[in-house]
Amino acid sequence: MSKLYKKSGVDVIKTDKLISQALKFIKSTHNEKVLGNKLGFSAEYRVSKEITLCAATDGVGTKAILAAELDHYKGIGQDLIAMCSNDILCNKAKPLFFLDYFACNSVKSKQYTEILKSITIACKKINCSLVGGETAEMPSLYKGNHFDLAGFLIGIKEKHKLLKISKGDLIIGVKSNGFHSNGYSLIRKIIKQNKINLKRAVFNKQKLSDLIMRPTRLYHQLISYNDLKYIKTLSHITGGGILSNFKRSIPKATKFDLNINKLPKEYDFIKDNINISNIELMEIFNCGIGMIFIINKKYYNKFIKRNFFKLIGEIK
């Protein structure tokens, strides 16, 4: 594994202990209506026998640093919405409303307006209401154009029949729109170490900055509420890559084959600038697949003819 991002065994053990400790505090606040966070994508809270609310919170990570340095904000709001909405989709929930948190050195008209506009456009795409938020000026914490962006989304879920995963089920991948919002610490390190001028650099006949700043795909636009009746589980491919996120959506003992051998062109940019294997890439990036779901093979034709959908594996 590359020294650029490798974590030691001690770091992993320390992190696991902290998470275990945090969970004890968190669970001490729960009542019987809290259904937990079994998939690790979003949490559920029971409203009635037939209805639960799903909640997800996230940010855009260090992609915000590149947005500030490039003065490029038109897609960053969609990244924020997608990171949360794609998570609640994994729990088969429809978006209801969103609140954002924007922190900066000082409010700058162009930056603030473009980010807010990007958030509202993304909300409209998935029929989600932006009901409020918070803006904070902290010059002692943020310098120049640098900012942070986070938020949380509440969705609603009607009771679904649980569909058991079985041998022979098909694994369908829905294509990503680039790197989405993960792996940007490594991308920024590659840019810095190779002294790449991001404002001038060209990759595959397009501006490298445009490639890197493509917004995260909103999968509620591609997977309908009716589709969820046929889907057994879904997994949103974010930090940790394909394998770790997919495994969160299936029982531990489940055996499967995944075929992600052909990576999109944008991964040549990573491989041209750092010695990294496909396995390592799959531990960091979405590798061209932003959402994965499992179906009975009899529903193959229902999904496979759609744009961005492809067969990537099978349950063994």
Protein backbone atom coordinates (compact mmCIF):
# COMPACT_ATOMS: atom_id res chain seq x y z
CA MET A 1 0.00 0.00 0.00
CA SER A 2 1.27 3.47 -0.86
CA LYS A 3 3.00 5.42 1.90
CA LEU A 4 0.85 8.39 0.90
CA TYR A 5 -2.17 7.06 2.71
CA LYS A 6 -1.22 3.90 4.63
CA LYS A 7 -2.40 3.67 8.24
CA SER A 8 -0.47 1.63 10.76
CA GLY A 9 -2.03 -1.28 12.67
CA VAL A 10 -1.75 0.81 15.84
CA ASP A 11 -3.77 3.63 14.26
CA VAL A 12 -6.50 1.20 13.20
CA ILE A 13 -6.71 -0.39 16.67
CA LYS A 14 -6.81 3.04 18.31
CA THR A 15 -9.59 4.18 15.97
CA ASP A 16 -11.61 1.00 16.62
CA LYS A 17 -11.36 1.56 20.38
CA LEU A 18 -12.50 5.17 20.06
CA ILE A 19 -15.48 4.17 17.90
CA SER A 20 -16.43 1.43 20.37
CA GLN A 21 -16.24 3.93 23.24
CA ALA A 22 -18.27 6.51 21.30
CA LEU A 23 -21.00 3.96 20.55
CA LYS A 24 -21.49 3.35 24.28
CA PHE A 25 -22.18 7.05 24.83
CA ILE A 26 -24.43 7.27 21.77
CA LYS A 27 -26.53 4.20 22.63
CA SER A 28 -27.09 5.49 26.17
CA THR A 29 -29.39 8.15 24.64
CA HIS A 30 -31.55 5.70 22.66
CA ASN A 31 -35.14 4.71 23.34
CA GLU A 32 -37.26 1.91 21.86
CA LYS A 33 -38.01 3.98 18.72
CA VAL A 34 -34.39 4.08 17.61
CA LEU A 35 -33.82 1.28 15.12
CA GLY A 36 -30.11 1.86 14.95
CA ASN A 37 -27.68 2.09 12.09
CA LYS A 38 -27.35 -1.53 10.96
CA LEU A 39 -26.05 -0.75 7.48
CA GLY A 40 -23.82 2.09 8.61
CA PHE A 41 -25.27 4.38 5.93
CA SER A 42 -28.11 6.13 7.76
CA ALA A 43 -29.97 5.74 11.05
CA GLU A 44 -33.68 4.99 11.48
CA TYR A 45 -36.25 6.22 13.99
CA ARG A 46 -39.70 4.60 14.18
CA VAL A 47 -42.67 6.97 13.87
CA SER A 48 -45.34 4.27 13.52
CA LYS A 49 -45.61 0.60 12.59
CA GLU A 50 -45.47 1.50 8.91
CA ILE A 51 -43.26 4.61 8.88
CA THR A 52 -39.70 5.36 9.95
CA LEU A 53 -37.54 8.45 9.55
CA CYS A 54 -33.99 8.06 8.22
CA ALA A 55 -31.23 10.52 9.02
CA ALA A 56 -27.80 11.02 7.45
CA THR A 57 -25.11 13.63 7.95
CA ASP A 58 -21.91 14.29 6.02
CA GLY A 59 -19.66 16.89 4.46
CA VAL A 60 -17.60 17.26 1.30
CA GLY A 61 -14.21 16.59 2.87
CA THR A 62 -11.03 18.08 1.47
CA LYS A 63 -12.69 18.58 -1.91
CA ALA A 64 -13.69 21.89 -0.32
CA ILE A 65 -10.01 22.94 -0.32
CA LEU A 66 -9.74 22.40 -4.07
CA ALA A 67 -13.02 24.24 -4.62
CA ALA A 68 -11.62 27.24 -2.74
CA GLU A 69 -8.26 27.18 -4.54
CA LEU A 70 -9.94 26.90 -7.95
CA ASP A 71 -12.76 29.33 -7.10
CA HIS A 72 -15.07 26.56 -8.41
CA TYR A 73 -18.30 26.13 -6.41
CA LYS A 74 -21.03 25.21 -8.91
CA GLY A 75 -21.09 21.49 -8.03
CA ILE A 76 -19.93 21.40 -4.43
CA GLY A 77 -23.47 21.81 -3.07
CA GLN A 78 -24.59 18.75 -5.02
CA ASP A 79 -21.67 16.83 -3.48
CA LEU A 80 -23.04 17.74 -0.07
CA ILE A 81 -26.62 16.71 -0.84
CA ALA A 82 -25.55 13.50 -2.58
CA MET A 83 -23.34 12.34 0.26
CA CYS A 84 -26.40 12.39 2.51
CA SER A 85 -29.20 11.49 0.09
CA ASN A 86 -27.34 8.51 -1.36
CA ASP A 87 -26.87 7.21 2.17
CA ILE A 88 -30.57 7.30 3.01
CA LEU A 89 -31.34 5.64 -0.33
CA CYS A 90 -29.45 2.62 1.02
CA ASN A 91 -32.16 2.45 3.71
CA LYS A 92 -34.83 2.77 0.98
CA ALA A 93 -35.92 6.21 2.15
CA LYS A 94 -37.18 9.24 0.20
CA PRO A 95 -35.68 12.67 1.00
CA LEU A 96 -37.85 15.07 2.99
CA PHE A 97 -35.72 18.02 4.11
CA PHE A 98 -32.13 19.19 4.47
CA LEU A 99 -30.18 21.64 6.64
CA ASP A 100 -26.69 22.88 5.77
CA TYR A 101 -23.76 24.27 7.74
CA PHE A 102 -21.33 26.64 6.01
CA ALA A 103 -18.24 27.93 7.83
CA CYS A 104 -15.71 30.36 6.37
CA ASN A 105 -13.22 33.14 7.06
CA SER A 106 -15.75 35.80 6.10
CA VAL A 107 -18.81 35.63 3.86
CA LYS A 108 -17.86 36.44 0.27
CA SER A 109 -20.79 37.15 -2.04
CA LYS A 110 -19.76 35.04 -5.06
CA GLN A 111 -18.62 32.04 -3.03
CA TYR A 112 -21.61 32.03 -0.69
CA THR A 113 -24.16 32.55 -3.48
CA GLU A 114 -22.75 29.86 -5.79
CA ILE A 115 -22.54 27.28 -2.99
CA LEU A 116 -26.08 28.00 -1.80
CA LYS A 117 -27.37 27.90 -5.37
CA SER A 118 -25.66 24.55 -5.92
CA ILE A 119 -27.30 23.15 -2.78
CA THR A 120 -30.77 24.34 -3.81
CA ILE A 121 -30.45 22.99 -7.38
CA ALA A 122 -29.46 19.57 -6.02
CA CYS A 123 -32.35 19.60 -3.53
CA LYS A 124 -34.82 20.32 -6.35
CA LYS A 125 -33.45 17.41 -8.40
CA ILE A 126 -34.49 14.93 -5.69
CA ASN A 127 -37.60 16.73 -4.39
CA CYS A 128 -35.98 17.66 -1.09
CA SER A 129 -36.75 20.87 0.82
CA LEU A 130 -33.90 23.04 2.10
CA VAL A 131 -35.54 24.20 5.34
CA GLY A 132 -32.68 26.05 7.00
CA GLY A 133 -29.05 26.04 7.93
CA GLU A 134 -26.22 27.89 9.64
CA THR A 135 -23.51 30.23 8.39
CA ALA A 136 -20.47 30.86 10.59
CA GLU A 137 -17.59 33.30 10.13
CA MET A 138 -14.42 32.11 11.88
CA PRO A 139 -11.36 34.02 10.61
CA SER A 140 -9.15 32.44 13.27
CA LEU A 141 -9.90 28.97 11.84
CA TYR A 142 -10.31 29.52 8.07
CA LYS A 143 -7.87 31.51 5.90
CA GLY A 144 -8.60 33.26 2.61
CA ASN A 145 -11.28 31.49 0.55
CA HIS A 146 -11.13 28.27 2.55
CA PHE A 147 -14.37 26.99 3.99
CA ASP A 148 -16.11 23.89 5.29
CA LEU A 149 -19.48 22.55 4.24
CA ALA A 150 -21.64 19.98 6.02
CA GLY A 151 -25.28 19.16 6.58
CA PHE A 152 -27.88 16.58 7.43
CA LEU A 153 -30.86 15.13 5.64
CA ILE A 154 -34.06 13.55 6.93
CA GLY A 155 -35.93 11.05 4.80
CA ILE A 156 -39.06 8.95 5.16
CA LYS A 157 -39.35 5.19 4.69
CA GLU A 158 -42.44 3.08 4.38
CA LYS A 159 -42.35 -0.51 5.56
CA HIS A 160 -40.75 -2.81 2.99
CA LYS A 161 -40.82 -6.57 2.79
CA LEU A 162 -37.37 -7.87 3.69
CA LEU A 163 -35.81 -9.71 0.74
CA LYS A 164 -33.29 -12.39 1.67
CA ILE A 165 -30.03 -12.56 -0.26
CA SER A 166 -29.63 -15.91 -2.02
CA LYS A 167 -27.08 -17.77 -4.11
CA GLY A 168 -27.36 -16.70 -7.75
CA ASP A 169 -28.54 -13.16 -6.98
CA LEU A 170 -27.02 -10.53 -9.25
CA ILE A 171 -24.92 -7.56 -8.17
CA ILE A 172 -25.67 -4.43 -10.18
CA GLY A 173 -23.42 -1.37 -10.19
CA VAL A 174 -24.60 2.14 -11.02
CA LYS A 175 -21.83 4.23 -12.53
CA SER A 176 -20.29 7.16 -10.70
CA ASN A 177 -19.66 10.64 -12.06
CA GLY A 178 -15.94 10.63 -11.35
CA PHE A 179 -14.26 10.65 -7.94
CA HIS A 180 -17.38 12.05 -6.23
CA SER A 181 -16.25 13.33 -2.79
CA ASN A 182 -13.75 10.72 -1.64
CA GLY A 183 -10.01 10.23 -1.97
CA TYR A 184 -9.30 13.94 -2.23
CA SER A 185 -6.54 13.97 0.38
CA LEU A 186 -4.63 11.60 -1.90
CA ILE A 187 -5.57 13.57 -5.04
CA ARG A 188 -4.36 16.81 -3.44
CA LYS A 189 -1.12 15.14 -2.40
CA ILE A 190 -0.54 13.91 -5.96
CA ILE A 191 -1.17 17.44 -7.28
CA LYS A 192 1.25 18.95 -4.77
CA GLN A 193 4.04 16.38 -5.11
CA ASN A 194 3.93 16.49 -8.92
CA LYS A 195 3.65 20.29 -8.97
CA ILE A 196 0.58 20.13 -11.20
CA ASN A 197 -0.95 23.47 -12.15
CA LEU A 198 -4.57 22.48 -11.75
CA LYS A 199 -5.88 25.60 -13.46
CA ARG A 200 -3.93 24.82 -16.66
CA ALA A 201 -3.51 21.04 -16.67
CA VAL A 202 -5.39 18.99 -19.27
CA PHE A 203 -6.28 15.31 -18.99
CA ASN A 204 -7.98 13.21 -21.67
CA LYS A 205 -8.75 16.35 -23.73
CA GLN A 206 -10.51 18.17 -20.89
CA LYS A 207 -9.48 20.48 -18.08
CA LEU A 208 -8.19 18.44 -15.16
CA SER A 209 -9.98 20.83 -12.81
CA ASP A 210 -13.34 20.02 -14.46
CA LEU A 211 -12.70 16.29 -14.05
CA ILE A 212 -11.74 16.59 -10.41
CA MET A 213 -14.62 18.91 -9.50
CA ARG A 214 -17.42 16.88 -11.13
CA PRO A 215 -20.27 16.67 -8.59
CA THR A 216 -21.40 13.43 -6.97
CA ARG A 217 -24.23 11.65 -8.78
CA LEU A 218 -27.69 11.80 -7.13
CA TYR A 219 -28.91 8.21 -7.22
CA HIS A 220 -32.50 9.06 -6.28
CA GLN A 221 -32.71 10.33 -9.87
CA LEU A 222 -31.85 6.88 -11.23
CA ILE A 223 -33.47 4.50 -8.72
CA SER A 224 -37.20 5.03 -8.21
CA TYR A 225 -39.31 4.22 -5.18
CA ASN A 226 -40.98 1.45 -7.20
CA ASP A 227 -37.54 -0.04 -8.01
CA LEU A 228 -36.92 -0.56 -4.31
CA LYS A 229 -39.57 -3.31 -4.23
CA TYR A 230 -37.22 -5.49 -6.28
CA ILE A 231 -33.91 -4.49 -4.70
CA LYS A 232 -32.62 -6.55 -1.77
CA THR A 233 -29.85 -4.26 -0.47
CA LEU A 234 -28.03 -1.12 -1.58
CA SER A 235 -24.61 0.28 -0.73
CA HIS A 236 -23.27 3.78 -1.35
CA ILE A 237 -19.62 3.64 -2.41
CA THR A 238 -17.76 6.38 -0.54
CA GLY A 239 -14.67 6.47 1.71
CA GLY A 240 -13.15 3.01 2.08
CA GLY A 241 -13.91 2.10 -1.51
CA ILE A 242 -15.98 -0.59 -3.18
CA LEU A 243 -15.34 -3.74 -1.15
CA SER A 244 -15.71 -2.33 2.36
CA ASN A 245 -18.89 -0.41 1.54
CA PHE A 246 -20.49 -3.31 -0.31
CA LYS A 247 -19.77 -5.69 2.58
CA ARG A 248 -21.69 -3.37 4.93
CA SER A 249 -24.92 -4.20 3.08
CA ILE A 250 -24.70 -8.01 3.20
CA PRO A 251 -24.46 -10.68 5.94
CA LYS A 252 -20.86 -11.36 7.03
CA ALA A 253 -20.71 -14.93 5.73
CA THR A 254 -22.00 -14.04 2.26
CA LYS A 255 -19.74 -15.14 -0.60
CA PHE A 256 -19.66 -13.13 -3.81
CA ASP A 257 -17.68 -12.35 -6.95
CA LEU A 258 -17.12 -8.77 -8.09
CA ASN A 259 -15.64 -7.79 -11.44
CA ILE A 260 -14.32 -4.21 -11.45
CA ASN A 261 -11.26 -4.81 -13.62
CA LYS A 262 -11.81 -2.05 -16.18
CA LEU A 263 -11.45 1.34 -14.49
CA PRO A 264 -12.71 4.62 -16.01
CA LYS A 265 -10.21 6.84 -17.81
CA GLU A 266 -9.90 9.26 -14.89
CA TYR A 267 -8.04 6.63 -12.89
CA ASP A 268 -5.17 6.88 -15.36
CA PHE A 269 -4.51 10.28 -13.78
CA ILE A 270 -4.00 8.58 -10.40
CA LYS A 271 -1.92 5.69 -11.80
CA ASP A 272 0.24 7.98 -13.96
CA ASN A 273 1.31 9.96 -10.91
CA ILE A 274 1.64 7.35 -8.16
CA ASN A 275 2.57 3.69 -7.92
CA ILE A 276 -0.72 2.14 -6.86
CA SER A 277 -2.48 -1.16 -7.59
CA ASN A 278 -6.12 -1.69 -8.58
CA ILE A 279 -6.73 -3.35 -5.20
CA GLU A 280 -5.43 -0.25 -3.42
CA LEU A 281 -7.57 1.99 -5.61
CA MET A 282 -10.62 -0.08 -4.63
CA GLU A 283 -9.84 0.62 -0.96
CA ILE A 284 -10.01 4.40 -1.49
CA PHE A 285 -12.15 5.32 -4.50
CA ASN A 286 -15.47 4.27 -6.03
CA CYS A 287 -13.57 3.06 -9.15
CA GLY A 288 -16.42 4.05 -11.44
CA ILE A 289 -19.28 2.58 -9.38
CA GLY A 290 -21.09 4.93 -6.97
CA MET A 291 -23.98 2.67 -5.92
CA ILE A 292 -24.31 -1.12 -5.76
CA PHE A 293 -27.48 -3.15 -5.27
CA ILE A 294 -28.53 -6.80 -5.29
CA ILE A 295 -31.49 -8.30 -7.16
CA ASN A 296 -32.96 -11.69 -7.98
CA LYS A 297 -31.69 -12.65 -11.44
CA LYS A 298 -35.26 -12.73 -12.80
CA TYR A 299 -35.29 -8.91 -12.59
CA TYR A 300 -32.10 -8.51 -14.62
CA ASN A 301 -33.83 -7.07 -17.71
CA LYS A 302 -35.76 -4.56 -15.59
CA PHE A 303 -32.54 -2.74 -14.68
CA ILE A 304 -29.72 -3.62 -17.05
CA LYS A 305 -30.94 -1.69 -20.10
CA ARG A 306 -30.88 1.64 -18.27
CA ASN A 307 -28.13 4.21 -18.66
CA PHE A 308 -25.32 3.87 -16.10
CA PHE A 309 -26.42 0.39 -14.88
CA LYS A 310 -24.13 -2.62 -15.35
CA LEU A 311 -23.77 -6.19 -14.05
CA ILE A 312 -20.66 -6.37 -11.85
CA GLY A 313 -21.00 -9.61 -9.92
CA GLU A 314 -22.97 -12.45 -8.40
CA ILE A 315 -23.75 -13.92 -4.99
CA LYS A 316 -22.11 -17.36 -4.62
